[in-house]
Protein backbone atom coordinates (compact mmCIF):
# COMPACT_ATOMS: atom_id res chain seq x y z
CA UNK A 1 64.69 105.29 -7.74
CA UNK A 2 67.17 103.47 -5.15
CA UNK A 3 70.37 103.83 -7.64
CA UNK A 4 72.36 106.39 -5.98
CA UNK A 5 75.15 105.72 -3.41
CA UNK A 6 77.02 108.41 -1.91
CA UNK A 7 79.97 106.40 -1.62
CA UNK A 8 80.62 106.89 -5.37
CA UNK A 9 81.22 110.48 -4.32
CA UNK A 10 82.63 110.29 -0.90
CA UNK A 11 85.67 112.85 -0.50
CA UNK A 12 84.87 114.68 -3.52
CA UNK A 13 84.97 118.66 -4.01
CA UNK A 14 81.25 118.74 -3.26
CA UNK A 15 81.82 116.94 0.03
CA UNK A 16 84.63 119.18 1.00
CA UNK A 17 82.52 122.47 0.31
CA UNK A 18 79.51 120.71 2.08
CA UNK A 19 81.43 120.20 5.01
CA UNK A 20 83.47 122.88 5.71
CA UNK A 21 79.92 125.02 5.30
CA UNK A 22 78.48 122.50 7.84
CA UNK A 23 81.32 122.53 10.33
CA UNK A 24 81.30 126.30 10.31
CA UNK A 25 77.62 126.48 11.14
CA UNK A 26 77.85 123.87 13.71
CA UNK A 27 80.77 125.86 15.51
CA UNK A 28 78.65 129.14 15.66
CA UNK A 29 75.41 127.74 16.88
CA UNK A 30 77.17 126.04 19.63
CA UNK A 31 78.52 129.28 20.67
CA UNK A 32 75.39 129.23 22.99
CA UNK A 33 74.50 127.22 25.88
CA UNK A 34 71.19 126.14 24.51
CA UNK A 35 70.28 122.29 23.28
CA UNK A 36 70.70 122.32 19.37
CA UNK A 37 68.63 120.18 17.17
CA UNK A 38 70.73 118.82 13.97
CA UNK A 39 68.79 117.22 10.93
CA UNK A 40 70.58 115.75 8.05
CA UNK A 41 67.84 114.72 5.24
CA UNK A 42 69.67 112.60 3.43
CA UNK A 43 72.04 110.62 5.44
CA UNK A 44 73.78 108.10 3.40
CA UNK A 45 75.84 105.41 5.09
CA UNK A 46 77.61 107.51 7.62
CA UNK A 47 81.23 106.74 6.96
CA UNK A 48 83.13 105.46 3.96
CA UNK A 49 85.99 103.32 2.47
CA UNK A 50 88.15 105.17 0.18
CA UNK A 51 90.46 102.59 -0.66
CA UNK A 52 87.57 100.17 -1.91
CA UNK A 53 84.14 99.44 -2.89
CA UNK A 54 81.92 102.51 -4.87
CA UNK A 55 84.65 105.56 -3.66
CA UNK A 56 87.15 103.06 -5.44
CA UNK A 57 85.44 102.94 -8.36
CA UNK A 58 84.46 106.47 -9.10
CA UNK A 59 87.83 107.80 -7.92
CA UNK A 60 86.12 111.36 -7.12
CA UNK A 61 88.43 111.43 -3.90
CA UNK A 62 91.29 111.75 -6.28
CA UNK A 63 90.50 115.12 -7.17
CA UNK A 64 89.05 116.10 -3.59
CA UNK A 65 89.75 115.19 -0.22
CA UNK A 66 93.44 113.50 -1.55
CA UNK A 67 94.58 116.31 -3.41
CA UNK A 68 94.02 118.57 -0.74
CA UNK A 69 95.44 116.37 1.69
CA UNK A 70 98.90 116.11 -0.49
CA UNK A 71 98.91 119.85 -1.25
CA UNK A 72 98.55 120.67 2.61
CA UNK A 73 101.27 117.99 3.27
CA UNK A 74 103.83 119.62 0.43
CA UNK A 75 103.10 122.91 1.90
CA UNK A 76 103.43 123.07 5.30
CA UNK A 77 104.68 126.66 5.38
CA UNK A 78 101.43 127.80 3.58
CA UNK A 79 98.80 129.28 5.69
CA UNK A 80 95.62 127.52 5.53
CA UNK A 81 92.56 128.89 6.76
CA UNK A 82 90.65 128.18 10.25
CA UNK A 83 87.50 126.46 8.24
CA UNK A 84 89.91 124.49 5.90
CA UNK A 85 92.19 123.61 9.17
CA UNK A 86 88.78 122.59 11.14
CA UNK A 87 87.39 120.59 8.16
CA UNK A 88 90.75 118.53 7.55
CA UNK A 89 90.63 117.93 11.40
CA UNK A 90 87.24 115.97 11.22
CA UNK A 91 88.58 114.14 8.49
CA UNK A 92 92.06 112.91 9.88
CA UNK A 93 90.49 112.02 13.44
CA UNK A 94 88.74 109.17 11.23
CA UNK A 95 92.20 108.09 9.99
CA UNK A 96 94.64 106.99 12.67
CA UNK A 97 97.33 106.60 10.46
CA UNK A 98 98.79 109.27 7.97
CA UNK A 99 96.93 107.10 5.14
CA UNK A 100 93.06 108.61 3.98
CA UNK A 101 91.62 105.25 4.42
CA UNK A 102 87.98 106.43 5.51
CA UNK A 103 85.93 109.49 4.44
CA UNK A 104 83.36 110.19 7.06
CA UNK A 105 80.11 111.74 5.79
CA UNK A 106 77.90 114.51 7.47
CA UNK A 107 76.56 111.96 9.89
CA UNK A 108 79.77 111.13 11.60
CA UNK A 109 81.20 114.61 11.44
CA UNK A 110 77.84 116.20 12.92
CA UNK A 111 77.92 113.61 15.92
CA UNK A 112 81.68 113.80 16.64
CA UNK A 113 80.60 117.58 17.56
CA UNK A 114 77.39 116.93 19.44
CA UNK A 115 77.39 118.29 22.99
CA UNK A 116 75.47 116.49 25.71
CA UNK A 117 72.64 118.26 25.48
CA UNK A 118 72.87 118.27 21.34
CA UNK A 119 70.70 116.01 19.19
CA UNK A 120 71.06 114.34 15.63
CA UNK A 121 68.39 113.27 13.69
CA UNK A 122 69.39 111.33 10.38
CA UNK A 123 66.85 110.55 7.55
CA UNK A 124 68.09 107.61 5.02
CA UNK A 125 65.30 106.16 2.58
CA UNK A 126 67.66 103.67 0.57
CA UNK A 127 67.29 99.85 1.77
CA UNK A 128 70.60 99.25 1.73
CA UNK A 129 72.15 102.84 3.01
CA UNK A 130 69.81 102.77 6.04
CA UNK A 131 71.24 98.93 7.29
CA UNK A 132 74.87 100.20 6.70
CA UNK A 133 74.12 103.67 8.89
CA UNK A 134 72.09 101.63 11.51
CA UNK A 135 75.50 99.66 11.77
CA UNK A 136 77.88 102.44 11.65
CA UNK A 137 76.48 104.74 13.99
CA UNK A 138 75.96 102.18 16.57
CA UNK A 139 80.01 102.31 16.99
CA UNK A 140 80.05 106.17 17.81
CA UNK A 141 80.27 106.91 21.51
CA UNK A 142 77.27 109.60 20.86
CA UNK A 143 74.83 106.97 19.63
CA UNK A 144 72.27 107.42 22.50
CA UNK A 145 71.82 111.03 20.88
CA UNK A 146 71.12 110.15 17.76
CA UNK A 147 67.80 108.95 16.10
CA UNK A 148 67.43 107.39 12.69
CA UNK A 149 64.46 107.34 10.46
CA UNK A 150 64.09 104.92 7.62
CA UNK A 151 61.54 107.39 5.47
CA UNK A 152 61.65 110.36 3.26
CA UNK A 153 62.54 113.31 4.71
CA UNK A 154 60.50 115.44 2.69
CA UNK A 155 57.44 114.61 3.90
CA UNK A 156 58.48 114.03 7.65
CA UNK A 157 60.78 117.12 8.09
CA UNK A 158 57.79 119.17 8.94
CA UNK A 159 57.06 117.21 11.94
CA UNK A 160 60.48 117.68 13.39
CA UNK A 161 60.48 121.67 13.37
CA UNK A 162 60.41 123.29 15.11
CA UNK A 163 62.67 121.61 17.88
CA UNK A 164 61.70 121.72 21.23
CA UNK A 165 64.92 124.43 22.13
CA UNK A 166 63.81 126.33 19.23
CA UNK A 167 67.42 125.93 18.10
CA UNK A 168 68.07 123.87 14.96
CA UNK A 169 70.13 123.27 11.68
CA UNK A 170 68.40 121.61 8.97
CA UNK A 171 71.05 120.02 6.33
CA UNK A 172 69.02 119.22 3.26
CA UNK A 173 71.45 117.27 0.33
CA UNK A 174 69.18 114.75 -1.77
CA UNK A 175 70.69 113.19 -4.64
CA UNK A 176 68.57 115.33 -7.40
CA UNK A 177 69.01 112.07 -9.83
CA UNK A 178 65.04 112.27 -9.71
CA UNK A 179 64.10 115.55 -11.41
CA UNK A 180 61.11 115.68 -8.62
CA UNK A 181 63.50 116.32 -5.87
CA UNK A 182 63.96 120.20 -6.85
CA UNK A 183 60.03 120.23 -6.46
CA UNK A 184 59.92 118.30 -3.60
CA UNK A 185 62.85 120.59 -1.87
CA UNK A 186 61.00 123.66 -2.47
CA UNK A 187 57.96 122.36 -1.05
CA UNK A 188 59.35 120.99 2.01
CA UNK A 189 61.49 124.11 2.55
CA UNK A 190 58.62 126.53 2.15
CA UNK A 191 56.36 124.01 4.83
CA UNK A 192 59.56 124.10 6.85
CA UNK A 193 60.31 127.98 7.30
CA UNK A 194 56.21 128.55 7.95
CA UNK A 195 56.75 126.32 10.93
CA UNK A 196 60.20 127.40 11.75
CA UNK A 197 61.40 130.58 10.27
CA UNK A 198 64.41 131.11 12.73
CA UNK A 199 66.04 127.66 11.99
CA UNK A 200 69.32 127.57 10.07
CA UNK A 201 68.42 125.86 6.87
CA UNK A 202 71.85 124.65 4.78
CA UNK A 203 71.06 123.49 1.24
CA UNK A 204 73.52 121.43 -0.90
CA UNK A 205 72.92 121.13 -4.65
CA UNK A 206 74.75 120.08 -7.67
CA UNK A 207 75.50 122.61 -10.86
CA UNK A 208 74.62 121.18 -13.79
CA UNK A 209 73.12 121.93 -17.28
CA UNK A 210 70.00 120.67 -16.32
CA UNK A 211 66.97 123.22 -16.31
CA UNK A 212 65.94 122.36 -12.54
CA UNK A 213 69.61 122.77 -11.44
CA UNK A 214 70.35 126.18 -13.13
CA UNK A 215 67.00 127.49 -11.74
CA UNK A 216 67.10 126.40 -8.41
CA UNK A 217 69.58 129.18 -6.61
CA UNK A 218 67.14 131.66 -7.77
CA UNK A 219 64.25 129.80 -6.78
CA UNK A 220 65.67 129.58 -3.14
CA UNK A 221 66.59 133.04 -3.22
CA UNK A 222 62.84 133.70 -3.90
CA UNK A 223 61.71 131.62 -0.85
CA UNK A 224 64.18 133.51 1.49
CA UNK A 225 62.79 136.89 0.05
CA UNK A 226 59.04 135.77 0.44
CA UNK A 227 59.78 134.64 4.27
CA UNK A 228 61.86 137.81 5.06
CA UNK A 229 65.22 135.43 5.99
CA UNK A 230 68.90 136.72 5.16
CA UNK A 231 70.74 133.96 2.96
CA UNK A 232 74.06 133.28 1.59
CA UNK A 233 75.15 131.38 -1.53
CA UNK A 234 78.43 129.75 -1.84
CA UNK A 235 79.54 128.08 -5.13
CA UNK A 236 82.70 125.93 -6.25
CA UNK A 237 83.34 125.16 -9.76
CA UNK A 238 86.69 123.25 -10.16
CA UNK A 239 86.53 122.59 -13.99
CA UNK A 240 84.48 123.59 -16.86
CA UNK A 241 84.57 121.08 -19.43
CA UNK A 242 82.23 120.22 -22.17
CA UNK A 243 80.02 117.03 -21.29
CA UNK A 244 80.02 116.77 -17.91
CA UNK A 245 81.07 113.45 -17.39
CA UNK A 246 81.42 114.56 -13.92
CA UNK A 247 80.43 116.89 -11.41
CA UNK A 248 82.35 119.88 -11.92
CA UNK A 249 80.51 122.24 -9.68
CA UNK A 250 78.35 122.38 -6.73
CA UNK A 251 77.06 124.82 -4.20
CA UNK A 252 75.53 125.77 -0.77
CA UNK A 253 72.69 127.88 -0.35
CA UNK A 254 72.13 129.09 3.71
CA UNK A 255 69.17 130.38 5.03
CA UNK A 256 69.71 132.55 8.31
CA UNK A 257 73.48 131.86 8.23
CA UNK A 258 75.55 132.93 11.06
CA UNK A 259 77.12 136.50 10.16
CA UNK A 260 80.65 134.70 10.39
CA UNK A 261 80.14 132.43 7.71
CA UNK A 262 81.00 134.83 4.89
CA UNK A 263 84.07 135.99 5.97
CA UNK A 264 85.25 132.49 6.76
CA UNK A 265 84.41 131.56 3.32
CA UNK A 266 86.10 134.46 1.50
CA UNK A 267 89.37 132.76 2.79
CA UNK A 268 88.65 129.54 1.97
CA UNK A 269 87.03 129.78 -1.12
CA UNK A 270 89.83 131.27 -3.08
CA UNK A 271 92.27 128.32 -1.52
CA UNK A 272 89.89 125.63 -2.56
CA UNK A 273 89.94 127.21 -6.28
CA UNK A 274 93.78 127.08 -6.16
CA UNK A 275 94.20 123.84 -4.81
CA UNK A 276 91.35 121.87 -6.43
CA UNK A 277 91.10 123.29 -9.67
CA UNK A 278 92.16 121.95 -12.80
CA UNK A 279 92.33 124.67 -15.09
CA UNK A 280 91.53 128.35 -15.55
CA UNK A 281 87.69 127.57 -15.49
CA UNK A 282 87.95 126.90 -11.90
CA UNK A 283 86.29 129.65 -9.87
CA UNK A 284 84.08 130.33 -6.71
CA UNK A 285 80.91 132.25 -6.10
CA UNK A 286 79.94 134.04 -2.91
CA UNK A 287 76.98 136.22 -2.08
CA UNK A 288 74.42 137.29 0.56
CA UNK A 289 71.70 139.07 1.17
CA UNK A 290 70.63 140.56 4.63
CA UNK A 291 66.99 140.32 5.59
């Protein structure tokens, strides 16, 4: 149950997609002065070394953040989209030198964006990851605005919504190594929407040949329709090779997306396919439905 460590995947193409979407959601929601509560259901350790440990073993960052960074460095005259530029700023902020030695996970990216009135709530169930997360969060100037829970977010999320301000963003990104995660995700989302229908929910998912994975986007669309909620689906595939030795594609499904998000992704996704794609099998999907 506790085999998954996000450090193996830090800086991968899946992280790039997830964090570009995440930053754009927060930027939009912070346009209003009211307090914003952000909940990260599977926080991990918060920040990861790219030069040693699990990330150095998997080398997934080579096809992700390192590849993107090299391209931008070698093509300085190339127009880069605002969303990619803002994402890269969040990554380089954790790396004082030009070398990318660290990759901030969602908790660190969110924490650095918090305004004084905002709150961040982090869940992590892995016994080693929660200790790393506690240590890493203590180093942040924003640590007083952050609550940590060594608990199963699927069972605890309902107790945190709606937040007092009635303004919230929930990032749900389980590992899906346990097939039950798909079922838990759906039931948790249904329950959360019944309590906090106007919240913004961002769900990351891997695109695999596994039956549960293939069915998830359609099931999420049906949940959105049942609750009369708008949705946006963005997927990024960097290769299409048999065997699935490594993750080749992932997606983000956003309920109650801001109206600006689709336009931002229409610009960013073709650029990511160009830079991160390994061959002609690289592609993106972007679609949305208004409630």
